[in-house]
Amino acid sequence: MAWTIKGKVKVIQQLTPVEDKKWDTFVAELGKGKAPIDAAKAIGDVKYTKLKGAANQFELRLSGGRRATFVVDEGAKQISQVQVGGHT
């Protein structure tokens, strides 16, 4: 079963083509049924990290200055409250 993105993706800063390709690859891997951690591994070194003090909130590095953050719901196979382009 494929993972889905619930709600709109909030773009904090416009992504560069390289950052955009990483994000698109991550989303495509979710669509193939990979869990977010495995989708992140498919991109390469993106430093997939659970954020401290936040239940089930994670981030992945799109570049030195931009991140994607989201909440993971394993049971529903969804990510939500997605923000891309900022830096946490």
PDB file of N, CA and C in Angstrom:
ATOM      1  N   MET A   1       0.841  -1.183   0.000  1.00  0.00           N
ATOM      2  CA  MET A   1       0.000   0.000   0.000  1.00  0.00           C
ATOM      3  C   MET A   1       0.885   1.245   0.000  1.00  0.00           C
ATOM      4  N   ALA A   2       0.555   2.190  -0.846  1.00  0.00           N
ATOM      5  CA  ALA A   2       1.327   3.417  -0.967  1.00  0.00           C
ATOM      6  C   ALA A   2       1.091   4.341   0.221  1.00  0.00           C
ATOM      7  N   TRP A   3       2.101   5.096   0.567  1.00  0.00           N
ATOM      8  CA  TRP A   3       1.970   6.159   1.557  1.00  0.00           C
ATOM      9  C   TRP A   3       1.402   7.384   0.844  1.00  0.00           C
ATOM     10  N   THR A   4       0.714   8.236   1.588  1.00  0.00           N
ATOM     11  CA  THR A   4       0.141   9.438   1.007  1.00  0.00           C
ATOM     12  C   THR A   4       0.538  10.669   1.824  1.00  0.00           C
ATOM     13  N   ILE A   5       0.388  11.821   1.195  1.00  0.00           N
ATOM     14  CA  ILE A   5       0.582  13.098   1.874  1.00  0.00           C
ATOM     15  C   ILE A   5      -0.802  13.661   2.146  1.00  0.00           C
ATOM     16  N   LYS A   6      -1.087  13.892   3.418  1.00  0.00           N
ATOM     17  CA  LYS A   6      -2.381  14.423   3.827  1.00  0.00           C
ATOM     18  C   LYS A   6      -2.284  15.946   3.905  1.00  0.00           C
ATOM     19  N   GLY A   7      -3.175  16.622   3.208  1.00  0.00           N
ATOM     20  CA  GLY A   7      -3.184  18.080   3.229  1.00  0.00           C
ATOM     21  C   GLY A   7      -2.209  18.677   2.231  1.00  0.00           C
ATOM     22  N   LYS A   8      -2.094  19.993   2.294  1.00  0.00           N
ATOM     23  CA  LYS A   8      -1.221  20.722   1.373  1.00  0.00           C
ATOM     24  C   LYS A   8       0.218  20.736   1.882  1.00  0.00           C
ATOM     25  N   VAL A   9       1.125  20.809   0.934  1.00  0.00           N
ATOM     26  CA  VAL A   9       2.539  20.976   1.246  1.00  0.00           C
ATOM     27  C   VAL A   9       2.804  22.484   1.298  1.00  0.00           C
ATOM     28  N   LYS A  10       3.294  22.956   2.440  1.00  0.00           N
ATOM     29  CA  LYS A  10       3.588  24.379   2.615  1.00  0.00           C
ATOM     30  C   LYS A  10       5.035  24.626   2.192  1.00  0.00           C
ATOM     31  N   VAL A  11       5.207  25.464   1.174  1.00  0.00           N
ATOM     32  CA  VAL A  11       6.543  25.787   0.681  1.00  0.00           C
ATOM     33  C   VAL A  11       7.012  27.067   1.374  1.00  0.00           C
ATOM     34  N   ILE A  12       8.045  26.955   2.196  1.00  0.00           N
ATOM     35  CA  ILE A  12       8.594  28.082   2.943  1.00  0.00           C
ATOM     36  C   ILE A  12       9.502  28.921   2.043  1.00  0.00           C
ATOM     37  N   GLN A  13      10.359  28.270   1.296  1.00  0.00           N
ATOM     38  CA  GLN A  13      11.248  28.904   0.327  1.00  0.00           C
ATOM     39  C   GLN A  13      11.238  28.068  -0.937  1.00  0.00           C
ATOM     40  N   GLN A  14      11.326  28.740  -2.089  1.00  0.00           N
ATOM     41  CA  GLN A  14      11.379  28.033  -3.362  1.00  0.00           C
ATOM     42  C   GLN A  14      12.600  27.115  -3.386  1.00  0.00           C
ATOM     43  N   LEU A  15      12.412  25.889  -3.839  1.00  0.00           N
ATOM     44  CA  LEU A  15      13.501  24.916  -3.898  1.00  0.00           C
ATOM     45  C   LEU A  15      14.317  25.094  -5.165  1.00  0.00           C
ATOM     46  N   THR A  16      15.601  24.782  -5.064  1.00  0.00           N
ATOM     47  CA  THR A  16      16.452  24.732  -6.247  1.00  0.00           C
ATOM     48  C   THR A  16      16.102  23.457  -7.021  1.00  0.00           C
ATOM     49  N   PRO A  17      16.534  23.343  -8.268  1.00  0.00           N
ATOM     50  CA  PRO A  17      16.255  22.110  -9.011  1.00  0.00           C
ATOM     51  C   PRO A  17      16.779  20.843  -8.318  1.00  0.00           C
ATOM     52  N   VAL A  18      17.938  20.913  -7.688  1.00  0.00           N
ATOM     53  CA  VAL A  18      18.496  19.740  -6.996  1.00  0.00           C
ATOM     54  C   VAL A  18      17.634  19.391  -5.782  1.00  0.00           C
ATOM     55  N   GLU A  19      17.246  20.399  -5.004  1.00  0.00           N
ATOM     56  CA  GLU A  19      16.392  20.174  -3.837  1.00  0.00           C
ATOM     57  C   GLU A  19      15.039  19.624  -4.262  1.00  0.00           C
ATOM     58  N   ASP A  20      14.508  20.194  -5.335  1.00  0.00           N
ATOM     59  CA  ASP A  20      13.210  19.751  -5.850  1.00  0.00           C
ATOM     60  C   ASP A  20      13.265  18.296  -6.295  1.00  0.00           C
ATOM     61  N   LYS A  21      14.366  17.902  -6.933  1.00  0.00           N
ATOM     62  CA  LYS A  21      14.513  16.509  -7.368  1.00  0.00           C
ATOM     63  C   LYS A  21      14.556  15.568  -6.164  1.00  0.00           C
ATOM     64  N   LYS A  22      15.244  15.962  -5.101  1.00  0.00           N
ATOM     65  CA  LYS A  22      15.283  15.133  -3.890  1.00  0.00           C
ATOM     66  C   LYS A  22      13.883  14.981  -3.309  1.00  0.00           C
ATOM     67  N   TRP A  23      13.144  16.094  -3.237  1.00  0.00           N
ATOM     68  CA  TRP A  23      11.784  16.037  -2.692  1.00  0.00           C
ATOM     69  C   TRP A  23      10.899  15.146  -3.569  1.00  0.00           C
ATOM     70  N   ASP A  24      10.983  15.326  -4.892  1.00  0.00           N
ATOM     71  CA  ASP A  24      10.173  14.522  -5.811  1.00  0.00           C
ATOM     72  C   ASP A  24      10.508  13.039  -5.696  1.00  0.00           C
ATOM     73  N   THR A  25      11.785  12.711  -5.527  1.00  0.00           N
ATOM     74  CA  THR A  25      12.189  11.318  -5.362  1.00  0.00           C
ATOM     75  C   THR A  25      11.618  10.744  -4.068  1.00  0.00           C
ATOM     76  N   PHE A  26      11.677  11.517  -2.986  1.00  0.00           N
ATOM     77  CA  PHE A  26      11.115  11.092  -1.710  1.00  0.00           C
ATOM     78  C   PHE A  26       9.623  10.787  -1.856  1.00  0.00           C
ATOM     79  N   VAL A  27       8.887  11.693  -2.481  1.00  0.00           N
ATOM     80  CA  VAL A  27       7.438  11.504  -2.672  1.00  0.00           C
ATOM     81  C   VAL A  27       7.157  10.292  -3.559  1.00  0.00           C
ATOM     82  N   ALA A  28       7.942  10.106  -4.611  1.00  0.00           N
ATOM     83  CA  ALA A  28       7.758   8.956  -5.499  1.00  0.00           C
ATOM     84  C   ALA A  28       7.999   7.643  -4.762  1.00  0.00           C
ATOM     85  N   GLU A  29       9.009   7.609  -3.906  1.00  0.00           N
ATOM     86  CA  GLU A  29       9.289   6.400  -3.131  1.00  0.00           C
ATOM     87  C   GLU A  29       8.166   6.109  -2.139  1.00  0.00           C
ATOM     88  N   LEU A  30       7.580   7.152  -1.547  1.00  0.00           N
ATOM     89  CA  LEU A  30       6.405   6.952  -0.689  1.00  0.00           C
ATOM     90  C   LEU A  30       5.282   6.312  -1.496  1.00  0.00           C
ATOM     91  N   GLY A  31       5.095   6.792  -2.722  1.00  0.00           N
ATOM     92  CA  GLY A  31       4.056   6.265  -3.597  1.00  0.00           C
ATOM     93  C   GLY A  31       4.257   4.805  -3.962  1.00  0.00           C
ATOM     94  N   LYS A  32       5.500   4.342  -3.883  1.00  0.00           N
ATOM     95  CA  LYS A  32       5.808   2.933  -4.154  1.00  0.00           C
ATOM     96  C   LYS A  32       5.577   2.057  -2.924  1.00  0.00           C
ATOM     97  N   GLY A  33       5.186   2.698  -1.807  1.00  0.00           N
ATOM     98  CA  GLY A  33       4.911   1.938  -0.598  1.00  0.00           C
ATOM     99  C   GLY A  33       6.024   1.939   0.425  1.00  0.00           C
ATOM    100  N   LYS A  34       7.110   2.657   0.153  1.00  0.00           N
ATOM    101  CA  LYS A  34       8.205   2.701   1.119  1.00  0.00           C
ATOM    102  C   LYS A  34       7.839   3.605   2.285  1.00  0.00           C
ATOM    103  N   ALA A  35       8.227   3.200   3.481  1.00  0.00           N
ATOM    104  CA  ALA A  35       8.059   4.036   4.666  1.00  0.00           C
ATOM    105  C   ALA A  35       8.953   5.267   4.514  1.00  0.00           C
ATOM    106  N   PRO A  36       8.623   6.365   5.186  1.00  0.00           N
ATOM    107  CA  PRO A  36       9.421   7.588   5.038  1.00  0.00           C
ATOM    108  C   PRO A  36      10.922   7.396   5.264  1.00  0.00           C
ATOM    109  N   ILE A  37      11.309   6.615   6.254  1.00  0.00           N
ATOM    110  CA  ILE A  37      12.742   6.408   6.497  1.00  0.00           C
ATOM    111  C   ILE A  37      13.406   5.710   5.314  1.00  0.00           C
ATOM    112  N   ASP A  38      12.711   4.756   4.706  1.00  0.00           N
ATOM    113  CA  ASP A  38      13.265   4.047   3.550  1.00  0.00           C
ATOM    114  C   ASP A  38      13.240   4.907   2.297  1.00  0.00           C
ATOM    115  N   ALA A  39      12.209   5.743   2.168  1.00  0.00           N
ATOM    116  CA  ALA A  39      12.147   6.685   1.038  1.00  0.00           C
ATOM    117  C   ALA A  39      13.302   7.677   1.132  1.00  0.00           C
ATOM    118  N   ALA A  40      13.623   8.109   2.353  1.00  0.00           N
ATOM    119  CA  ALA A  40      14.743   9.027   2.553  1.00  0.00           C
ATOM    120  C   ALA A  40      16.069   8.354   2.190  1.00  0.00           C
ATOM    121  N   LYS A  41      16.224   7.092   2.551  1.00  0.00           N
ATOM    122  CA  LYS A  41      17.455   6.358   2.225  1.00  0.00           C
ATOM    123  C   LYS A  41      17.643   6.245   0.718  1.00  0.00           C
ATOM    124  N   ALA A  42      16.549   6.177  -0.037  1.00  0.00           N
ATOM    125  CA  ALA A  42      16.636   6.057  -1.494  1.00  0.00           C
ATOM    126  C   ALA A  42      17.235   7.311  -2.135  1.00  0.00           C
ATOM    127  N   ILE A  43      17.155   8.443  -1.435  1.00  0.00           N
ATOM    128  CA  ILE A  43      17.703   9.702  -1.944  1.00  0.00           C
ATOM    129  C   ILE A  43      19.205   9.770  -1.710  1.00  0.00           C
ATOM    130  N   GLY A  44      19.642   9.182  -0.624  1.00  0.00           N
ATOM    131  CA  GLY A  44      21.049   9.261  -0.248  1.00  0.00           C
ATOM    132  C   GLY A  44      21.181   9.870   1.136  1.00  0.00           C
ATOM    133  N   ASP A  45      22.222  10.634   1.346  1.00  0.00           N
ATOM    134  CA  ASP A  45      22.510  11.217   2.662  1.00  0.00           C
ATOM    135  C   ASP A  45      21.649  12.466   2.877  1.00  0.00           C
ATOM    136  N   VAL A  46      20.478  12.270   3.466  1.00  0.00           N
ATOM    137  CA  VAL A  46      19.583  13.399   3.736  1.00  0.00           C
ATOM    138  C   VAL A  46      19.359  13.614   5.228  1.00  0.00           C
ATOM    139  N   LYS A  47      20.089  12.874   6.054  1.00  0.00           N
ATOM    140  CA  LYS A  47      20.029  13.040   7.510  1.00  0.00           C
ATOM    141  C   LYS A  47      18.581  13.030   8.018  1.00  0.00           C
ATOM    142  N   TYR A  48      17.879  11.949   7.771  1.00  0.00           N
ATOM    143  CA  TYR A  48      16.505  11.762   8.249  1.00  0.00           C
ATOM    144  C   TYR A  48      16.539  11.720   9.769  1.00  0.00           C
ATOM    145  N   THR A  49      15.836  12.651  10.424  1.00  0.00           N
ATOM    146  CA  THR A  49      15.954  12.822  11.867  1.00  0.00           C
ATOM    147  C   THR A  49      14.600  13.038  12.517  1.00  0.00           C
ATOM    148  N   LYS A  50      14.399  12.395  13.674  1.00  0.00           N
ATOM    149  CA  LYS A  50      13.200  12.673  14.480  1.00  0.00           C
ATOM    150  C   LYS A  50      13.478  13.937  15.265  1.00  0.00           C
ATOM    151  N   LEU A  51      12.545  14.896  15.211  1.00  0.00           N
ATOM    152  CA  LEU A  51      12.729  16.149  15.922  1.00  0.00           C
ATOM    153  C   LEU A  51      12.459  15.969  17.408  1.00  0.00           C
ATOM    154  N   LYS A  52      13.276  16.572  18.218  1.00  0.00           N
ATOM    155  CA  LYS A  52      13.138  16.465  19.668  1.00  0.00           C
ATOM    156  C   LYS A  52      11.906  17.215  20.144  1.00  0.00           C
ATOM    157  N   GLY A  53      11.203  16.616  21.101  1.00  0.00           N
ATOM    158  CA  GLY A  53      10.055  17.264  21.709  1.00  0.00           C
ATOM    159  C   GLY A  53       8.806  17.276  20.857  1.00  0.00           C
ATOM    160  N   ALA A  54       8.829  16.584  19.731  1.00  0.00           N
ATOM    161  CA  ALA A  54       7.672  16.559  18.837  1.00  0.00           C
ATOM    162  C   ALA A  54       7.311  15.103  18.547  1.00  0.00           C
ATOM    163  N   ALA A  55       6.084  14.743  18.864  1.00  0.00           N
ATOM    164  CA  ALA A  55       5.642  13.365  18.632  1.00  0.00           C
ATOM    165  C   ALA A  55       5.561  13.078  17.139  1.00  0.00           C
ATOM    166  N   ASN A  56       6.343  12.112  16.701  1.00  0.00           N
ATOM    167  CA  ASN A  56       6.304  11.618  15.316  1.00  0.00           C
ATOM    168  C   ASN A  56       6.599  12.677  14.261  1.00  0.00           C
ATOM    169  N   GLN A  57       7.342  13.734  14.612  1.00  0.00           N
ATOM    170  CA  GLN A  57       7.720  14.743  13.621  1.00  0.00           C
ATOM    171  C   GLN A  57       9.166  14.505  13.197  1.00  0.00           C
ATOM    172  N   PHE A  58       9.373  14.517  11.891  1.00  0.00           N
ATOM    173  CA  PHE A  58      10.678  14.212  11.317  1.00  0.00           C
ATOM    174  C   PHE A  58      11.098  15.284  10.338  1.00  0.00           C
ATOM    175  N   GLU A  59      12.391  15.289  10.021  1.00  0.00           N
ATOM    176  CA  GLU A  59      12.896  16.182   8.979  1.00  0.00           C
ATOM    177  C   GLU A  59      13.896  15.424   8.136  1.00  0.00           C
ATOM    178  N   LEU A  60      14.033  15.883   6.892  1.00  0.00           N
ATOM    179  CA  LEU A  60      15.107  15.392   6.050  1.00  0.00           C
ATOM    180  C   LEU A  60      15.762  16.586   5.386  1.00  0.00           C
ATOM    181  N   ARG A  61      17.051  16.465   5.157  1.00  0.00           N
ATOM    182  CA  ARG A  61      17.843  17.562   4.600  1.00  0.00           C
ATOM    183  C   ARG A  61      17.774  17.518   3.080  1.00  0.00           C
ATOM    184  N   LEU A  62      17.313  18.602   2.489  1.00  0.00           N
ATOM    185  CA  LEU A  62      17.285  18.715   1.030  1.00  0.00           C
ATOM    186  C   LEU A  62      18.564  19.359   0.515  1.00  0.00           C
ATOM    187  N   SER A  63      19.193  20.191   1.376  1.00  0.00           N
ATOM    188  CA  SER A  63      20.472  20.833   1.068  1.00  0.00           C
ATOM    189  C   SER A  63      21.042  21.362   2.372  1.00  0.00           C
ATOM    190  N   GLY A  64      22.143  22.087   2.292  1.00  0.00           N
ATOM    191  CA  GLY A  64      22.738  22.657   3.493  1.00  0.00           C
ATOM    192  C   GLY A  64      21.822  23.631   4.205  1.00  0.00           C
ATOM    193  N   GLY A  65      20.955  24.303   3.462  1.00  0.00           N
ATOM    194  CA  GLY A  65      20.109  25.320   4.061  1.00  0.00           C
ATOM    195  C   GLY A  65      18.627  25.036   4.072  1.00  0.00           C
ATOM    196  N   ARG A  66      18.184  23.979   3.414  1.00  0.00           N
ATOM    197  CA  ARG A  66      16.743  23.717   3.330  1.00  0.00           C
ATOM    198  C   ARG A  66      16.398  22.309   3.768  1.00  0.00           C
ATOM    199  N   ARG A  67      15.261  22.201   4.433  1.00  0.00           N
ATOM    200  CA  ARG A  67      14.777  20.935   4.970  1.00  0.00           C
ATOM    201  C   ARG A  67      13.336  20.698   4.555  1.00  0.00           C
ATOM    202  N   ALA A  68      12.886  19.482   4.748  1.00  0.00           N
ATOM    203  CA  ALA A  68      11.463  19.136   4.673  1.00  0.00           C
ATOM    204  C   ALA A  68      11.108  18.573   6.042  1.00  0.00           C
ATOM    205  N   THR A  69      10.033  19.062   6.640  1.00  0.00           N
ATOM    206  CA  THR A  69       9.576  18.540   7.928  1.00  0.00           C
ATOM    207  C   THR A  69       8.152  18.043   7.776  1.00  0.00           C
ATOM    208  N   PHE A  70       7.804  17.017   8.562  1.00  0.00           N
ATOM    209  CA  PHE A  70       6.482  16.408   8.441  1.00  0.00           C
ATOM    210  C   PHE A  70       6.207  15.517   9.636  1.00  0.00           C
ATOM    211  N   VAL A  71       4.933  15.220   9.830  1.00  0.00           N
ATOM    212  CA  VAL A  71       4.484  14.307  10.880  1.00  0.00           C
ATOM    213  C   VAL A  71       4.164  12.975  10.223  1.00  0.00           C
ATOM    214  N   VAL A  72       4.625  11.887  10.823  1.00  0.00           N
ATOM    215  CA  VAL A  72       4.425  10.542  10.283  1.00  0.00           C
ATOM    216  C   VAL A  72       3.334   9.821  11.065  1.00  0.00           C
ATOM    217  N   ASP A  73       2.360   9.279  10.341  1.00  0.00           N
ATOM    218  CA  ASP A  73       1.319   8.429  10.931  1.00  0.00           C
ATOM    219  C   ASP A  73       1.494   7.039  10.331  1.00  0.00           C
ATOM    220  N   GLU A  74       2.208   6.183  11.054  1.00  0.00           N
ATOM    221  CA  GLU A  74       2.512   4.828  10.566  1.00  0.00           C
ATOM    222  C   GLU A  74       1.246   4.017  10.287  1.00  0.00           C
ATOM    223  N   GLY A  75       0.249   4.109  11.187  1.00  0.00           N
ATOM    224  CA  GLY A  75      -0.976   3.326  11.036  1.00  0.00           C
ATOM    225  C   GLY A  75      -1.749   3.655   9.778  1.00  0.00           C
ATOM    226  N   ALA A  76      -1.856   4.948   9.472  1.00  0.00           N
ATOM    227  CA  ALA A  76      -2.595   5.394   8.286  1.00  0.00           C
ATOM    228  C   ALA A  76      -1.718   5.451   7.037  1.00  0.00           C
ATOM    229  N   LYS A  77      -0.408   5.231   7.215  1.00  0.00           N
ATOM    230  CA  LYS A  77       0.558   5.353   6.117  1.00  0.00           C
ATOM    231  C   LYS A  77       0.425   6.720   5.444  1.00  0.00           C
ATOM    232  N   GLN A  78       0.516   7.755   6.281  1.00  0.00           N
ATOM    233  CA  GLN A  78       0.403   9.133   5.804  1.00  0.00           C
ATOM    234  C   GLN A  78       1.478   9.998   6.439  1.00  0.00           C
ATOM    235  N   ILE A  79       1.888  11.035   5.678  1.00  0.00           N
ATOM    236  CA  ILE A  79       2.644  12.118   6.290  1.00  0.00           C
ATOM    237  C   ILE A  79       1.764  13.354   6.168  1.00  0.00           C
ATOM    238  N   SER A  80       1.851  14.240   7.149  1.00  0.00           N
ATOM    239  CA  SER A  80       1.009  15.438   7.151  1.00  0.00           C
ATOM    240  C   SER A  80       1.796  16.621   7.708  1.00  0.00           C
ATOM    241  N   GLN A  81       1.167  17.783   7.677  1.00  0.00           N
ATOM    242  CA  GLN A  81       1.773  19.035   8.150  1.00  0.00           C
ATOM    243  C   GLN A  81       3.143  19.229   7.511  1.00  0.00           C
ATOM    244  N   VAL A  82       3.194  19.004   6.204  1.00  0.00           N
ATOM    245  CA  VAL A  82       4.454  19.039   5.478  1.00  0.00           C
ATOM    246  C   VAL A  82       4.865  20.480   5.184  1.00  0.00           C
ATOM    247  N   GLN A  83       6.130  20.778   5.475  1.00  0.00           N
ATOM    248  CA  GLN A  83       6.742  22.055   5.125  1.00  0.00           C
ATOM    249  C   GLN A  83       8.065  21.767   4.432  1.00  0.00           C
ATOM    250  N   VAL A  84       8.304  22.425   3.296  1.00  0.00           N
ATOM    251  CA  VAL A  84       9.563  22.256   2.596  1.00  0.00           C
ATOM    252  C   VAL A  84      10.214  23.608   2.368  1.00  0.00           C
ATOM    253  N   GLY A  85      11.538  23.615   2.372  1.00  0.00           N
ATOM    254  CA  GLY A  85      12.280  24.817   2.029  1.00  0.00           C
ATOM    255  C   GLY A  85      12.800  25.603   3.202  1.00  0.00           C
ATOM    256  N   GLY A  86      12.301  25.361   4.398  1.00  0.00           N
ATOM    257  CA  GLY A  86      12.793  26.098   5.557  1.00  0.00           C
ATOM    258  C   GLY A  86      13.948  25.367   6.194  1.00  0.00           C
ATOM    259  N   HIS A  87      14.350  25.852   7.342  1.00  0.00           N
ATOM    260  CA  HIS A  87      15.426  25.219   8.094  1.00  0.00           C
ATOM    261  C   HIS A  87      15.028  25.212   9.549  1.00  0.00           C
ATOM    262  N   THR A  88      14.930  24.002  10.157  1.00  0.00           N
ATOM    263  CA  THR A  88      14.517  23.898  11.553  1.00  0.00           C
ATOM    264  C   THR A  88      15.702  23.916  12.478  1.00  0.00           C
TER     265      THR A  88
END
